[in-house]
Amino acid sequence: IAASTTLPVIGVPIKGMLDGLDAMLSIIQMPPGIPVATVGVNAAMNA
């Protein structure tokens, strides 16, 4: 989504395998120029 918009994007890693660590690492490891703010695992309210 972040790659296709100039709007701010907030990622919520959802707990699944590896207690959500896999999802969190996928979201926080964005390349330069494509930022995604990331909250804690399952922390949709904080998002």
ModelCIF file with pLDDT and N, C-alpha, C, O atoms, coordinates in Angstrom:
data_MODEL
#
_entry.id   MODEL 
#
_entity.id                         1 
_entity.type                       polymer 
_entity.pdbx_number_of_molecules   1 
#
_entity_poly.entity_id                      1 
_entity_poly.type                           'polypeptide(L)' 
_entity_poly.nstd_linkage                   no 
_entity_poly.nstd_monomer                   no 
_entity_poly.pdbx_seq_one_letter_code       IAASTTLPVIGVPIKGMLDGLDAMLSIIQMPPGIPVATVGVNAAMNA 
_entity_poly.pdbx_seq_one_letter_code_can   IAASTTLPVIGVPIKGMLDGLDAMLSIIQMPPGIPVATVGVNAAMNA 
_entity_poly.pdbx_strand_id                 A 
#
loop_
_entity_poly_seq.entity_id 
_entity_poly_seq.num 
_entity_poly_seq.mon_id 
_entity_poly_seq.hetero 
1 1  ILE n 
1 2  ALA n 
1 3  ALA n 
1 4  SER n 
1 5  THR n 
1 6  THR n 
1 7  LEU n 
1 8  PRO n 
1 9  VAL n 
1 10 ILE n 
1 11 GLY n 
1 12 VAL n 
1 13 PRO n 
1 14 ILE n 
1 15 LYS n 
1 16 GLY n 
1 17 MET n 
1 18 LEU n 
1 19 ASP n 
1 20 GLY n 
1 21 LEU n 
1 22 ASP n 
1 23 ALA n 
1 24 MET n 
1 25 LEU n 
1 26 SER n 
1 27 ILE n 
1 28 ILE n 
1 29 GLN n 
1 30 MET n 
1 31 PRO n 
1 32 PRO n 
1 33 GLY n 
1 34 ILE n 
1 35 PRO n 
1 36 VAL n 
1 37 ALA n 
1 38 THR n 
1 39 VAL n 
1 40 GLY n 
1 41 VAL n 
1 42 ASN n 
1 43 ALA n 
1 44 ALA n 
1 45 MET n 
1 46 ASN n 
1 47 ALA n 
#
_struct_asym.id          A 
_struct_asym.entity_id   1 
#
loop_
_ma_qa_metric.id 
_ma_qa_metric.mode 
_ma_qa_metric.name 
_ma_qa_metric.software_group_id 
_ma_qa_metric.type 
1 global pLDDT . pLDDT 
2 local  pLDDT . pLDDT 
#
_ma_qa_metric_global.metric_id      1 
_ma_qa_metric_global.metric_value   95.70 
_ma_qa_metric_global.model_id       1 
_ma_qa_metric_global.ordinal_id     1 
#
loop_
_ma_qa_metric_local.label_asym_id 
_ma_qa_metric_local.label_comp_id 
_ma_qa_metric_local.label_seq_id 
_ma_qa_metric_local.metric_id 
_ma_qa_metric_local.metric_value 
_ma_qa_metric_local.model_id 
_ma_qa_metric_local.ordinal_id 
A ILE 1  2 98.00 1 1  
A ALA 2  2 98.00 1 2  
A ALA 3  2 97.00 1 3  
A SER 4  2 97.00 1 4  
A THR 5  2 98.00 1 5  
A THR 6  2 98.00 1 6  
A LEU 7  2 98.00 1 7  
A PRO 8  2 98.00 1 8  
A VAL 9  2 98.00 1 9  
A ILE 10 2 98.00 1 10 
A GLY 11 2 98.00 1 11 
A VAL 12 2 98.00 1 12 
A PRO 13 2 97.00 1 13 
A ILE 14 2 96.00 1 14 
A LYS 15 2 95.00 1 15 
A GLY 16 2 87.00 1 16 
A MET 17 2 83.00 1 17 
A LEU 18 2 90.00 1 18 
A ASP 19 2 92.00 1 19 
A GLY 20 2 92.00 1 20 
A LEU 21 2 93.00 1 21 
A ASP 22 2 93.00 1 22 
A ALA 23 2 94.00 1 23 
A MET 24 2 95.00 1 24 
A LEU 25 2 94.00 1 25 
A SER 26 2 93.00 1 26 
A ILE 27 2 95.00 1 27 
A ILE 28 2 95.00 1 28 
A GLN 29 2 93.00 1 29 
A MET 30 2 94.00 1 30 
A PRO 31 2 95.00 1 31 
A PRO 32 2 96.00 1 32 
A GLY 33 2 96.00 1 33 
A ILE 34 2 97.00 1 34 
A PRO 35 2 97.00 1 35 
A VAL 36 2 98.00 1 36 
A ALA 37 2 98.00 1 37 
A THR 38 2 97.00 1 38 
A VAL 39 2 98.00 1 39 
A GLY 40 2 97.00 1 40 
A VAL 41 2 97.00 1 41 
A ASN 42 2 97.00 1 42 
A ALA 43 2 98.00 1 43 
A ALA 44 2 98.00 1 44 
A MET 45 2 98.00 1 45 
A ASN 46 2 98.00 1 46 
A ALA 47 2 98.00 1 47 
#
loop_
_atom_site.group_PDB 
_atom_site.id 
_atom_site.type_symbol 
_atom_site.label_atom_id 
_atom_site.label_alt_id 
_atom_site.label_comp_id 
_atom_site.label_asym_id 
_atom_site.label_entity_id 
_atom_site.label_seq_id 
_atom_site.pdbx_PDB_ins_code 
_atom_site.Cartn_x 
_atom_site.Cartn_y 
_atom_site.Cartn_z 
_atom_site.occupancy 
_atom_site.B_iso_or_equiv 
_atom_site.pdbx_formal_charge 
_atom_site.auth_seq_id 
_atom_site.auth_comp_id 
_atom_site.auth_asym_id 
_atom_site.auth_atom_id 
_atom_site.pdbx_PDB_model_num 
ATOM 1   N N  . ILE A 1 1  ? 0.847  -1.200  0.000  1.00 98.00 ? 1  ILE A N  1 
ATOM 2   C CA . ILE A 1 1  ? 0.000  0.000   0.000  1.00 98.00 ? 1  ILE A CA 1 
ATOM 3   C C  . ILE A 1 1  ? 0.880  1.248   0.000  1.00 98.00 ? 1  ILE A C  1 
ATOM 4   O O  . ILE A 1 1  ? 0.652  2.168   -0.785 1.00 98.00 ? 1  ILE A O  1 
ATOM 5   N N  . ALA A 1 2  ? 1.884  1.281   0.877  1.00 98.00 ? 2  ALA A N  1 
ATOM 6   C CA . ALA A 1 2  ? 2.769  2.452   0.973  1.00 98.00 ? 2  ALA A CA 1 
ATOM 7   C C  . ALA A 1 2  ? 3.481  2.736   -0.342 1.00 98.00 ? 2  ALA A C  1 
ATOM 8   O O  . ALA A 1 2  ? 3.782  3.890   -0.646 1.00 98.00 ? 2  ALA A O  1 
ATOM 9   N N  . ALA A 1 3  ? 3.753  1.703   -1.118 1.00 97.00 ? 3  ALA A N  1 
ATOM 10  C CA . ALA A 1 3  ? 4.436  1.886   -2.403 1.00 97.00 ? 3  ALA A CA 1 
ATOM 11  C C  . ALA A 1 3  ? 3.548  2.577   -3.435 1.00 97.00 ? 3  ALA A C  1 
ATOM 12  O O  . ALA A 1 3  ? 4.044  3.098   -4.434 1.00 97.00 ? 3  ALA A O  1 
ATOM 13  N N  . SER A 1 4  ? 2.233  2.581   -3.196 1.00 97.00 ? 4  SER A N  1 
ATOM 14  C CA . SER A 1 4  ? 1.300  3.124   -4.188 1.00 97.00 ? 4  SER A CA 1 
ATOM 15  C C  . SER A 1 4  ? 0.550  4.360   -3.721 1.00 97.00 ? 4  SER A C  1 
ATOM 16  O O  . SER A 1 4  ? -0.426 4.757   -4.357 1.00 97.00 ? 4  SER A O  1 
ATOM 17  N N  . THR A 1 5  ? 0.984  4.987   -2.612 1.00 98.00 ? 5  THR A N  1 
ATOM 18  C CA . THR A 1 5  ? 0.301  6.186   -2.127 1.00 98.00 ? 5  THR A CA 1 
ATOM 19  C C  . THR A 1 5  ? 1.300  7.110   -1.439 1.00 98.00 ? 5  THR A C  1 
ATOM 20  O O  . THR A 1 5  ? 2.373  6.679   -1.014 1.00 98.00 ? 5  THR A O  1 
ATOM 21  N N  . THR A 1 6  ? 0.935  8.376   -1.338 1.00 98.00 ? 6  THR A N  1 
ATOM 22  C CA . THR A 1 6  ? 1.741  9.321   -0.562 1.00 98.00 ? 6  THR A CA 1 
ATOM 23  C C  . THR A 1 6  ? 1.147  9.527   0.833  1.00 98.00 ? 6  THR A C  1 
ATOM 24  O O  . THR A 1 6  ? 1.697  10.286  1.631  1.00 98.00 ? 6  THR A O  1 
ATOM 25  N N  . LEU A 1 7  ? 0.045  8.867   1.130  1.00 98.00 ? 7  LEU A N  1 
ATOM 26  C CA . LEU A 1 7  ? -0.566 8.954   2.454  1.00 98.00 ? 7  LEU A CA 1 
ATOM 27  C C  . LEU A 1 7  ? 0.268  8.194   3.476  1.00 98.00 ? 7  LEU A C  1 
ATOM 28  O O  . LEU A 1 7  ? 0.957  7.236   3.127  1.00 98.00 ? 7  LEU A O  1 
ATOM 29  N N  . PRO A 1 8  ? 0.210  8.620   4.749  1.00 98.00 ? 8  PRO A N  1 
ATOM 30  C CA . PRO A 1 8  ? 0.887  7.828   5.774  1.00 98.00 ? 8  PRO A CA 1 
ATOM 31  C C  . PRO A 1 8  ? 0.217  6.462   5.926  1.00 98.00 ? 8  PRO A C  1 
ATOM 32  O O  . PRO A 1 8  ? -1.008 6.349   5.877  1.00 98.00 ? 8  PRO A O  1 
ATOM 33  N N  . VAL A 1 9  ? 1.032  5.440   6.109  1.00 98.00 ? 9  VAL A N  1 
ATOM 34  C CA . VAL A 1 9  ? 0.540  4.074   6.300  1.00 98.00 ? 9  VAL A CA 1 
ATOM 35  C C  . VAL A 1 9  ? 1.050  3.572   7.646  1.00 98.00 ? 9  VAL A C  1 
ATOM 36  O O  . VAL A 1 9  ? 2.234  3.685   7.961  1.00 98.00 ? 9  VAL A O  1 
ATOM 37  N N  . ILE A 1 10 ? 0.135  3.017   8.427  1.00 98.00 ? 10 ILE A N  1 
ATOM 38  C CA . ILE A 1 10 ? 0.480  2.429   9.714  1.00 98.00 ? 10 ILE A CA 1 
ATOM 39  C C  . ILE A 1 10 ? 0.237  0.929   9.604  1.00 98.00 ? 10 ILE A C  1 
ATOM 40  O O  . ILE A 1 10 ? -0.872 0.490   9.302  1.00 98.00 ? 10 ILE A O  1 
ATOM 41  N N  . GLY A 1 11 ? 1.275  0.157   9.850  1.00 98.00 ? 11 GLY A N  1 
ATOM 42  C CA . GLY A 1 11 ? 1.161  -1.291  9.777  1.00 98.00 ? 11 GLY A CA 1 
ATOM 43  C C  . GLY A 1 11 ? 0.874  -1.893  11.142 1.00 98.00 ? 11 GLY A C  1 
ATOM 44  O O  . GLY A 1 11 ? 1.475  -1.506  12.145 1.00 98.00 ? 11 GLY A O  1 
ATOM 45  N N  . VAL A 1 12 ? -0.049 -2.844  11.169 1.00 98.00 ? 12 VAL A N  1 
ATOM 46  C CA . VAL A 1 12 ? -0.353 -3.603  12.378 1.00 98.00 ? 12 VAL A CA 1 
ATOM 47  C C  . VAL A 1 12 ? 0.056  -5.054  12.125 1.00 98.00 ? 12 VAL A C  1 
ATOM 48  O O  . VAL A 1 12 ? -0.622 -5.766  11.385 1.00 98.00 ? 12 VAL A O  1 
ATOM 49  N N  . PRO A 1 13 ? 1.152  -5.494  12.728 1.00 97.00 ? 13 PRO A N  1 
ATOM 50  C CA . PRO A 1 13 ? 1.514  -6.908  12.583 1.00 97.00 ? 13 PRO A CA 1 
ATOM 51  C C  . PRO A 1 13 ? 0.512  -7.771  13.362 1.00 97.00 ? 13 PRO A C  1 
ATOM 52  O O  . PRO A 1 13 ? 0.244  -7.519  14.537 1.00 97.00 ? 13 PRO A O  1 
ATOM 53  N N  . ILE A 1 14 ? -0.027 -8.775  12.700 1.00 96.00 ? 14 ILE A N  1 
ATOM 54  C CA . ILE A 1 14 ? -1.039 -9.628  13.321 1.00 96.00 ? 14 ILE A CA 1 
ATOM 55  C C  . ILE A 1 14 ? -0.385 -10.946 13.747 1.00 96.00 ? 14 ILE A C  1 
ATOM 56  O O  . ILE A 1 14 ? 0.330  -11.592 12.981 1.00 96.00 ? 14 ILE A O  1 
ATOM 57  N N  . LYS A 1 15 ? -0.656 -11.309 14.982 1.00 95.00 ? 15 LYS A N  1 
ATOM 58  C CA . LYS A 1 15 ? -0.067 -12.533 15.541 1.00 95.00 ? 15 LYS A CA 1 
ATOM 59  C C  . LYS A 1 15 ? -0.549 -13.745 14.761 1.00 95.00 ? 15 LYS A C  1 
ATOM 60  O O  . LYS A 1 15 ? -1.748 -13.949 14.569 1.00 95.00 ? 15 LYS A O  1 
ATOM 61  N N  . GLY A 1 16 ? 0.385  -14.519 14.329 1.00 87.00 ? 16 GLY A N  1 
ATOM 62  C CA . GLY A 1 16 ? 0.090  -15.777 13.636 1.00 87.00 ? 16 GLY A CA 1 
ATOM 63  C C  . GLY A 1 16 ? 1.210  -16.720 13.987 1.00 87.00 ? 16 GLY A C  1 
ATOM 64  O O  . GLY A 1 16 ? 1.311  -17.187 15.122 1.00 87.00 ? 16 GLY A O  1 
ATOM 65  N N  . MET A 1 17 ? 2.031  -16.994 13.037 1.00 83.00 ? 17 MET A N  1 
ATOM 66  C CA . MET A 1 17 ? 3.205  -17.820 13.297 1.00 83.00 ? 17 MET A CA 1 
ATOM 67  C C  . MET A 1 17 ? 4.254  -16.970 14.024 1.00 83.00 ? 17 MET A C  1 
ATOM 68  O O  . MET A 1 17 ? 4.277  -15.748 13.876 1.00 83.00 ? 17 MET A O  1 
ATOM 69  N N  . LEU A 1 18 ? 5.092  -17.599 14.782 1.00 90.00 ? 18 LEU A N  1 
ATOM 70  C CA . LEU A 1 18 ? 6.190  -16.933 15.498 1.00 90.00 ? 18 LEU A CA 1 
ATOM 71  C C  . LEU A 1 18 ? 5.697  -15.792 16.385 1.00 90.00 ? 18 LEU A C  1 
ATOM 72  O O  . LEU A 1 18 ? 6.408  -14.806 16.577 1.00 90.00 ? 18 LEU A O  1 
ATOM 73  N N  . ASP A 1 19 ? 4.497  -15.916 16.922 1.00 92.00 ? 19 ASP A N  1 
ATOM 74  C CA . ASP A 1 19 ? 3.889  -14.908 17.805 1.00 92.00 ? 19 ASP A CA 1 
ATOM 75  C C  . ASP A 1 19 ? 3.830  -13.517 17.188 1.00 92.00 ? 19 ASP A C  1 
ATOM 76  O O  . ASP A 1 19 ? 3.812  -12.524 17.915 1.00 92.00 ? 19 ASP A O  1 
ATOM 77  N N  . GLY A 1 20 ? 3.800  -13.429 15.880 1.00 92.00 ? 20 GLY A N  1 
ATOM 78  C CA . GLY A 1 20 ? 3.692  -12.147 15.197 1.00 92.00 ? 20 GLY A CA 1 
ATOM 79  C C  . GLY A 1 20 ? 5.023  -11.496 14.872 1.00 92.00 ? 20 GLY A C  1 
ATOM 80  O O  . GLY A 1 20 ? 5.065  -10.460 14.208 1.00 92.00 ? 20 GLY A O  1 
ATOM 81  N N  . LEU A 1 21 ? 6.121  -12.101 15.338 1.00 93.00 ? 21 LEU A N  1 
ATOM 82  C CA . LEU A 1 21 ? 7.446  -11.542 15.055 1.00 93.00 ? 21 LEU A CA 1 
ATOM 83  C C  . LEU A 1 21 ? 7.724  -11.522 13.558 1.00 93.00 ? 21 LEU A C  1 
ATOM 84  O O  . LEU A 1 21 ? 8.314  -10.569 13.051 1.00 93.00 ? 21 LEU A O  1 
ATOM 85  N N  . ASP A 1 22 ? 7.305  -12.560 12.851 1.00 93.00 ? 22 ASP A N  1 
ATOM 86  C CA . ASP A 1 22 ? 7.499  -12.610 11.403 1.00 93.00 ? 22 ASP A CA 1 
ATOM 87  C C  . ASP A 1 22 ? 6.791  -11.445 10.719 1.00 93.00 ? 22 ASP A C  1 
ATOM 88  O O  . ASP A 1 22 ? 7.355  -10.804 9.833  1.00 93.00 ? 22 ASP A O  1 
ATOM 89  N N  . ALA A 1 23 ? 5.551  -11.173 11.132 1.00 94.00 ? 23 ALA A N  1 
ATOM 90  C CA . ALA A 1 23 ? 4.790  -10.073 10.544 1.00 94.00 ? 23 ALA A CA 1 
ATOM 91  C C  . ALA A 1 23 ? 5.424  -8.728  10.889 1.00 94.00 ? 23 ALA A C  1 
ATOM 92  O O  . ALA A 1 23 ? 5.535  -7.850  10.032 1.00 94.00 ? 23 ALA A O  1 
ATOM 93  N N  . MET A 1 24 ? 5.840  -8.569  12.146 1.00 95.00 ? 24 MET A N  1 
ATOM 94  C CA . MET A 1 24 ? 6.444  -7.307  12.560 1.00 95.00 ? 24 MET A CA 1 
ATOM 95  C C  . MET A 1 24 ? 7.720  -7.028  11.767 1.00 95.00 ? 24 MET A C  1 
ATOM 96  O O  . MET A 1 24 ? 7.925  -5.913  11.287 1.00 95.00 ? 24 MET A O  1 
ATOM 97  N N  . LEU A 1 25 ? 8.562  -8.027  11.632 1.00 94.00 ? 25 LEU A N  1 
ATOM 98  C CA . LEU A 1 25 ? 9.813  -7.832  10.893 1.00 94.00 ? 25 LEU A CA 1 
ATOM 99  C C  . LEU A 1 25 ? 9.542  -7.507  9.421  1.00 94.00 ? 25 LEU A C  1 
ATOM 100 O O  . LEU A 1 25 ? 10.254 -6.698  8.825  1.00 94.00 ? 25 LEU A O  1 
ATOM 101 N N  . SER A 1 26 ? 8.531  -8.123  8.842  1.00 93.00 ? 26 SER A N  1 
ATOM 102 C CA . SER A 1 26 ? 8.180  -7.822  7.449  1.00 93.00 ? 26 SER A CA 1 
ATOM 103 C C  . SER A 1 26 ? 7.758  -6.368  7.290  1.00 93.00 ? 26 SER A C  1 
ATOM 104 O O  . SER A 1 26 ? 8.105  -5.720  6.302  1.00 93.00 ? 26 SER A O  1 
ATOM 105 N N  . ILE A 1 27 ? 7.012  -5.857  8.260  1.00 95.00 ? 27 ILE A N  1 
ATOM 106 C CA . ILE A 1 27 ? 6.490  -4.496  8.147  1.00 95.00 ? 27 ILE A CA 1 
ATOM 107 C C  . ILE A 1 27 ? 7.559  -3.451  8.427  1.00 95.00 ? 27 ILE A C  1 
ATOM 108 O O  . ILE A 1 27 ? 7.589  -2.414  7.765  1.00 95.00 ? 27 ILE A O  1 
ATOM 109 N N  . ILE A 1 28 ? 8.439  -3.699  9.396  1.00 95.00 ? 28 ILE A N  1 
ATOM 110 C CA . ILE A 1 28 ? 9.415  -2.660  9.756  1.00 95.00 ? 28 ILE A CA 1 
ATOM 111 C C  . ILE A 1 28 ? 10.609 -2.592  8.811  1.00 95.00 ? 28 ILE A C  1 
ATOM 112 O O  . ILE A 1 28 ? 11.352 -1.611  8.829  1.00 95.00 ? 28 ILE A O  1 
ATOM 113 N N  . GLN A 1 29 ? 10.802 -3.611  7.991  1.00 93.00 ? 29 GLN A N  1 
ATOM 114 C CA . GLN A 1 29 ? 11.973 -3.631  7.119  1.00 93.00 ? 29 GLN A CA 1 
ATOM 115 C C  . GLN A 1 29 ? 11.660 -3.087  5.729  1.00 93.00 ? 29 GLN A C  1 
ATOM 116 O O  . GLN A 1 29 ? 11.847 -3.775  4.725  1.00 93.00 ? 29 GLN A O  1 
ATOM 117 N N  . MET A 1 30 ? 11.189 -1.857  5.682  1.00 94.00 ? 30 MET A N  1 
ATOM 118 C CA . MET A 1 30 ? 10.854 -1.229  4.411  1.00 94.00 ? 30 MET A CA 1 
ATOM 119 C C  . MET A 1 30 ? 12.084 -0.540  3.828  1.00 94.00 ? 30 MET A C  1 
ATOM 120 O O  . MET A 1 30 ? 12.928 -0.039  4.571  1.00 94.00 ? 30 MET A O  1 
ATOM 121 N N  . PRO A 1 31 ? 12.186 -0.514  2.505  1.00 95.00 ? 31 PRO A N  1 
ATOM 122 C CA . PRO A 1 31 ? 13.331 0.149   1.884  1.00 95.00 ? 31 PRO A CA 1 
ATOM 123 C C  . PRO A 1 31 ? 13.213 1.672   1.988  1.00 95.00 ? 31 PRO A C  1 
ATOM 124 O O  . PRO A 1 31 ? 12.117 2.196   2.186  1.00 95.00 ? 31 PRO A O  1 
ATOM 125 N N  . PRO A 1 32 ? 14.329 2.378   1.855  1.00 96.00 ? 32 PRO A N  1 
ATOM 126 C CA . PRO A 1 32 ? 14.291 3.846   1.889  1.00 96.00 ? 32 PRO A CA 1 
ATOM 127 C C  . PRO A 1 32 ? 13.276 4.392   0.879  1.00 96.00 ? 32 PRO A C  1 
ATOM 128 O O  . PRO A 1 32 ? 13.199 3.932   -0.260 1.00 96.00 ? 32 PRO A O  1 
ATOM 129 N N  . GLY A 1 33 ? 12.514 5.366   1.320  1.00 96.00 ? 33 GLY A N  1 
ATOM 130 C CA . GLY A 1 33 ? 11.532 6.004   0.443  1.00 96.00 ? 33 GLY A CA 1 
ATOM 131 C C  . GLY A 1 33 ? 10.128 5.445   0.571  1.00 96.00 ? 33 GLY A C  1 
ATOM 132 O O  . GLY A 1 33 ? 9.177  6.052   0.079  1.00 96.00 ? 33 GLY A O  1 
ATOM 133 N N  . ILE A 1 34 ? 9.980  4.297   1.225  1.00 97.00 ? 34 ILE A N  1 
ATOM 134 C CA . ILE A 1 34 ? 8.662  3.686   1.389  1.00 97.00 ? 34 ILE A CA 1 
ATOM 135 C C  . ILE A 1 34 ? 8.444  3.408   2.880  1.00 97.00 ? 34 ILE A C  1 
ATOM 136 O O  . ILE A 1 34 ? 8.450  2.250   3.300  1.00 97.00 ? 34 ILE A O  1 
ATOM 137 N N  . PRO A 1 35 ? 8.252  4.468   3.687  1.00 97.00 ? 35 PRO A N  1 
ATOM 138 C CA . PRO A 1 35 ? 8.096  4.241   5.131  1.00 97.00 ? 35 PRO A CA 1 
ATOM 139 C C  . PRO A 1 35 ? 6.724  3.675   5.484  1.00 97.00 ? 35 PRO A C  1 
ATOM 140 O O  . PRO A 1 35 ? 5.717  3.986   4.848  1.00 97.00 ? 35 PRO A O  1 
ATOM 141 N N  . VAL A 1 36 ? 6.717  2.845   6.506  1.00 98.00 ? 36 VAL A N  1 
ATOM 142 C CA . VAL A 1 36 ? 5.484  2.357   7.109  1.00 98.00 ? 36 VAL A CA 1 
ATOM 143 C C  . VAL A 1 36 ? 5.678  2.466   8.618  1.00 98.00 ? 36 VAL A C  1 
ATOM 144 O O  . VAL A 1 36 ? 6.570  1.827   9.177  1.00 98.00 ? 36 VAL A O  1 
ATOM 145 N N  . ALA A 1 37 ? 4.855  3.266   9.275  1.00 98.00 ? 37 ALA A N  1 
ATOM 146 C CA . ALA A 1 37 ? 4.886  3.308   10.736 1.00 98.00 ? 37 ALA A CA 1 
ATOM 147 C C  . ALA A 1 37 ? 4.386  1.948   11.219 1.00 98.00 ? 37 ALA A C  1 
ATOM 148 O O  . ALA A 1 37 ? 3.481  1.370   10.618 1.00 98.00 ? 37 ALA A O  1 
ATOM 149 N N  . THR A 1 38 ? 4.962  1.446   12.280 1.00 97.00 ? 38 THR A N  1 
ATOM 150 C CA . THR A 1 38 ? 4.586  0.118   12.751 1.00 97.00 ? 38 THR A CA 1 
ATOM 151 C C  . THR A 1 38 ? 4.306  0.161   14.244 1.00 97.00 ? 38 THR A C  1 
ATOM 152 O O  . THR A 1 38 ? 5.089  0.707   15.020 1.00 97.00 ? 38 THR A O  1 
ATOM 153 N N  . VAL A 1 39 ? 3.181  -0.420  14.635 1.00 98.00 ? 39 VAL A N  1 
ATOM 154 C CA . VAL A 1 39 ? 2.841  -0.540  16.052 1.00 98.00 ? 39 VAL A CA 1 
ATOM 155 C C  . VAL A 1 39 ? 3.134  -1.971  16.496 1.00 98.00 ? 39 VAL A C  1 
ATOM 156 O O  . VAL A 1 39 ? 3.574  -2.796  15.695 1.00 98.00 ? 39 VAL A O  1 
ATOM 157 N N  . GLY A 1 40 ? 2.895  -2.257  17.744 1.00 97.00 ? 40 GLY A N  1 
ATOM 158 C CA . GLY A 1 40 ? 3.158  -3.594  18.272 1.00 97.00 ? 40 GLY A CA 1 
ATOM 159 C C  . GLY A 1 40 ? 2.237  -4.646  17.682 1.00 97.00 ? 40 GLY A C  1 
ATOM 160 O O  . GLY A 1 40 ? 1.244  -4.334  17.025 1.00 97.00 ? 40 GLY A O  1 
ATOM 161 N N  . VAL A 1 41 ? 2.587  -5.893  17.930 1.00 97.00 ? 41 VAL A N  1 
ATOM 162 C CA . VAL A 1 41 ? 1.803  -7.020  17.436 1.00 97.00 ? 41 VAL A CA 1 
ATOM 163 C C  . VAL A 1 41 ? 0.380  -6.936  18.004 1.00 97.00 ? 41 VAL A C  1 
ATOM 164 O O  . VAL A 1 41 ? 0.182  -6.803  19.212 1.00 97.00 ? 41 VAL A O  1 
ATOM 165 N N  . ASN A 1 42 ? -0.585 -7.015  17.113 1.00 97.00 ? 42 ASN A N  1 
ATOM 166 C CA . ASN A 1 42 ? -2.025 -6.950  17.436 1.00 97.00 ? 42 ASN A CA 1 
ATOM 167 C C  . ASN A 1 42 ? -2.453 -5.611  18.037 1.00 97.00 ? 42 ASN A C  1 
ATOM 168 O O  . ASN A 1 42 ? -3.536 -5.524  18.615 1.00 97.00 ? 42 ASN A O  1 
ATOM 169 N N  . ALA A 1 43 ? -1.644 -4.584  17.918 1.00 98.00 ? 43 ALA A N  1 
ATOM 170 C CA . ALA A 1 43 ? -1.927 -3.286  18.544 1.00 98.00 ? 43 ALA A CA 1 
ATOM 171 C C  . ALA A 1 43 ? -2.719 -2.363  17.614 1.00 98.00 ? 43 ALA A C  1 
ATOM 172 O O  . ALA A 1 43 ? -2.313 -1.229  17.360 1.00 98.00 ? 43 ALA A O  1 
ATOM 173 N N  . ALA A 1 44 ? -3.834 -2.854  17.117 1.00 98.00 ? 44 ALA A N  1 
ATOM 174 C CA . ALA A 1 44 ? -4.662 -2.067  16.197 1.00 98.00 ? 44 ALA A CA 1 
ATOM 175 C C  . ALA A 1 44 ? -5.185 -0.791  16.848 1.00 98.00 ? 44 ALA A C  1 
ATOM 176 O O  . ALA A 1 44 ? -5.315 0.238   16.184 1.00 98.00 ? 44 ALA A O  1 
ATOM 177 N N  . MET A 1 45 ? -5.486 -0.854  18.142 1.00 98.00 ? 45 MET A N  1 
ATOM 178 C CA . MET A 1 45 ? -5.973 0.363   18.799 1.00 98.00 ? 45 MET A CA 1 
ATOM 179 C C  . MET A 1 45 ? -4.894 1.437   18.798 1.00 98.00 ? 45 MET A C  1 
ATOM 180 O O  . MET A 1 45 ? -5.196 2.606   18.556 1.00 98.00 ? 45 MET A O  1 
ATOM 181 N N  . ASN A 1 46 ? -3.644 1.068   19.063 1.00 98.00 ? 46 ASN A N  1 
ATOM 182 C CA . ASN A 1 46 ? -2.570 2.062   19.001 1.00 98.00 ? 46 ASN A CA 1 
ATOM 183 C C  . ASN A 1 46 ? -2.426 2.625   17.590 1.00 98.00 ? 46 ASN A C  1 
ATOM 184 O O  . ASN A 1 46 ? -2.119 3.806   17.423 1.00 98.00 ? 46 ASN A O  1 
ATOM 185 N N  . ALA A 1 47 ? -2.642 1.801   16.587 1.00 98.00 ? 47 ALA A N  1 
ATOM 186 C CA . ALA A 1 47 ? -2.600 2.294   15.212 1.00 98.00 ? 47 ALA A CA 1 
ATOM 187 C C  . ALA A 1 47 ? -3.684 3.340   14.993 1.00 98.00 ? 47 ALA A C  1 
ATOM 188 O O  . ALA A 1 47 ? -3.810 3.877   13.892 1.00 98.00 ? 47 ALA A O  1 
#
